[in-house]
Protein backbone atom coordinates (compact mmCIF):
# COMPACT_ATOMS: atom_id res chain seq x y z
CA MET A 1 104.32 104.05 102.56
CA SER A 2 100.79 105.16 103.30
CA THR A 3 98.11 102.50 103.31
CA ALA A 4 95.24 104.99 103.02
CA PRO A 5 93.95 106.19 99.67
CA GLY A 6 94.99 109.72 98.95
CA PRO A 7 92.60 112.61 98.72
CA GLY A 8 91.38 113.39 95.28
CA PRO A 9 88.34 113.66 93.11
CA VAL A 10 85.69 111.00 93.25
CA LEU A 11 82.86 110.33 90.83
CA PRO A 12 79.53 109.24 92.32
CA VAL A 13 78.14 106.15 90.57
CA PRO A 14 74.38 105.59 90.93
CA ASP A 15 74.52 101.98 89.64
CA ALA A 16 77.63 99.91 90.42
CA ALA A 17 76.81 97.08 88.00
CA ALA A 18 76.09 99.42 85.08
CA TYR A 19 79.34 101.30 85.70
CA LEU A 20 81.49 98.17 86.00
CA ALA A 21 79.99 96.28 83.04
CA GLY A 22 82.51 95.74 80.27
CA ARG A 23 86.24 95.17 79.97
CA TRP A 24 88.99 96.83 82.03
CA ARG A 25 92.81 96.80 82.04
CA ILE A 26 94.37 96.23 85.47
CA GLU A 27 97.70 97.29 86.93
CA ARG A 28 98.25 96.06 90.47
CA ALA A 29 101.14 96.50 92.88
CA VAL A 30 101.41 93.79 95.53
CA TYR A 31 103.40 94.37 98.73
CA ASP A 32 104.26 91.75 101.36
CA LEU A 33 104.82 94.12 104.28
CA ARG A 34 106.05 91.41 106.62
CA GLY A 35 108.66 90.05 104.21
CA GLY A 36 109.54 93.35 102.54
CA THR A 37 108.96 91.95 99.05
CA GLU A 38 106.82 93.25 96.24
CA GLY A 39 105.41 92.16 92.94
CA SER A 40 102.94 93.21 90.30
CA PHE A 41 99.94 91.96 88.36
CA ARG A 42 98.97 93.10 84.88
CA GLY A 43 95.92 91.84 83.12
CA THR A 44 92.28 92.39 82.33
CA ALA A 45 88.97 92.27 84.13
CA GLU A 46 85.66 91.65 82.45
CA PHE A 47 82.27 92.20 84.05
CA ARG A 48 79.74 90.33 81.92
CA PRO A 49 76.32 88.77 82.48
CA GLY A 50 76.44 85.37 84.13
CA PRO A 51 74.71 82.31 82.69
CA ALA A 52 71.42 82.91 84.54
CA GLY A 53 71.54 86.68 83.95
CA GLU A 54 70.96 87.59 87.61
CA ALA A 55 74.59 88.51 88.28
CA LEU A 56 77.67 89.85 86.54
CA LEU A 57 80.67 87.56 86.42
CA HIS A 58 83.87 89.39 87.33
CA LEU A 59 86.64 87.54 85.49
CA GLU A 60 90.25 88.60 85.98
CA GLU A 61 93.23 87.10 84.22
CA GLY A 62 96.78 88.15 83.63
CA GLU A 63 100.30 87.67 84.88
CA LEU A 64 101.64 87.99 88.42
CA THR A 65 105.32 88.83 88.68
CA TRP A 66 106.74 87.81 92.05
CA GLY A 67 110.37 87.31 92.97
CA GLY A 68 111.36 87.83 89.35
CA VAL A 69 109.17 84.95 88.19
CA VAL A 70 106.05 85.42 86.06
CA HIS A 71 103.00 83.28 86.88
CA PRO A 72 99.59 83.13 85.18
CA ALA A 73 96.91 84.35 87.58
CA SER A 74 93.12 84.52 87.47
CA ARG A 75 90.05 84.80 89.65
CA THR A 76 86.29 84.83 89.24
CA LEU A 77 83.80 86.70 91.42
CA ARG A 78 80.05 87.26 91.11
CA LEU A 79 78.53 90.73 91.42
CA ARG A 80 74.82 90.63 92.31
CA PRO A 81 73.18 94.02 91.58
CA LEU A 82 70.57 95.27 94.04
CA PRO A 83 67.63 97.58 93.14
CA ASP A 84 69.17 100.61 94.89
CA GLY A 85 72.30 100.59 92.66
CA THR A 86 74.52 98.80 95.17
CA ALA A 87 75.70 95.20 94.85
CA GLU A 88 76.77 92.12 96.77
CA VAL A 89 80.02 90.47 95.72
CA ASP A 90 80.44 86.72 96.13
CA PHE A 91 83.26 84.30 95.46
CA ALA A 92 82.81 82.03 92.45
CA ASP A 93 81.51 79.24 94.69
CA GLY A 94 78.74 81.48 96.09
CA ARG A 95 80.29 82.34 99.45
CA PRO A 96 79.77 86.02 100.38
CA PHE A 97 82.78 88.32 99.95
CA HIS A 98 81.66 91.94 100.52
CA ASP A 99 79.08 94.58 99.72
CA LEU A 100 79.67 97.40 97.24
CA ASP A 101 78.12 100.88 97.23
CA LEU A 102 79.66 103.37 94.78
CA ARG A 103 76.89 105.97 95.06
CA THR A 104 79.26 108.48 96.71
CA GLY A 105 82.22 107.42 94.54
CA ARG A 106 84.06 105.79 97.44
CA TRP A 107 83.34 102.62 99.42
CA THR A 108 85.11 100.66 102.14
CA ALA A 109 84.37 96.97 102.54
CA ALA A 110 85.67 94.36 104.94
CA HIS A 111 85.95 90.58 104.77
CA PRO A 112 87.16 88.25 107.54
CA CYS A 113 89.15 85.29 106.23
CA ALA A 114 90.02 82.86 109.02
CA ALA A 115 92.06 85.00 111.44
CA ASP A 116 93.01 87.54 108.77
CA ARG A 117 90.99 90.60 107.80
CA TYR A 118 90.68 92.14 104.34
CA GLU A 119 89.77 95.84 104.15
CA GLY A 120 89.11 97.19 100.67
CA THR A 121 88.69 100.78 99.53
CA PHE A 122 87.03 101.36 96.16
CA THR A 123 87.39 104.83 94.61
CA VAL A 124 85.86 105.89 91.30
CA VAL A 125 88.02 108.70 89.91
CA ALA A 126 86.63 109.05 86.37
CA PRO A 127 84.04 107.55 84.04
CA ASP A 128 86.69 105.11 82.82
CA GLU A 129 88.97 104.66 85.86
CA TRP A 130 88.62 103.32 89.39
CA HIS A 131 91.08 102.31 92.09
CA LEU A 132 90.96 99.45 94.55
CA GLN A 133 93.19 99.03 97.58
CA TRP A 134 93.11 95.94 99.78
CA ARG A 135 94.91 95.94 103.13
CA VAL A 136 95.23 92.41 104.50
CA GLY A 137 96.31 91.89 108.08
CA GLY A 138 96.43 89.07 110.56
CA PRO A 139 98.59 86.19 111.71
CA ALA A 140 98.95 84.68 108.22
CA LYS A 141 99.31 87.83 106.09
CA ASP A 142 100.45 91.43 106.13
CA GLN A 143 99.86 92.68 102.60
CA LEU A 144 98.86 95.73 100.63
CA LEU A 145 97.42 95.46 97.12
CA ARG A 146 96.87 98.61 95.06
CA SER A 147 95.02 98.30 91.76
CA VAL A 148 94.13 100.73 89.00
CA TYR A 149 91.35 99.69 86.61
CA ARG A 150 91.05 101.56 83.29
CA ARG A 151 88.28 100.83 80.81
CA ALA A 152 89.66 98.95 77.81
CA GLY A 153 88.88 100.26 74.34
CA ASP A 154 86.81 98.09 72.00
């Protein structure tokens, strides 16, 4: 299995927050490379203005299937748009997560988490579809997460 995103078309996005705003369907494959197990997540993501209006809340919720068992799963992030069309992404509690620049259609971000390292590749492939791959490595984790986000109809 390749951990690098494949070649293919990319769509430059001049304003990350404007592009992401709205509701998306998510399909995610989750691989534990150390244990040889895999699972999946299906759900939705919504990027909507936060209470103070200075950031977009990124709310994900759905179901994680792991080991044949289905679990509810959710997360909340904050996307803070910057004047140049890029953004800073924070955890819900305000801690920094990563930067985001979709102006070329592809972006790689990194986040250290204790002794582990998260490396994410964001690829915009169409006006209504983008892909996200996280490779997580370190003493506690060896994982690959591949997500496809498709804009949800109204």
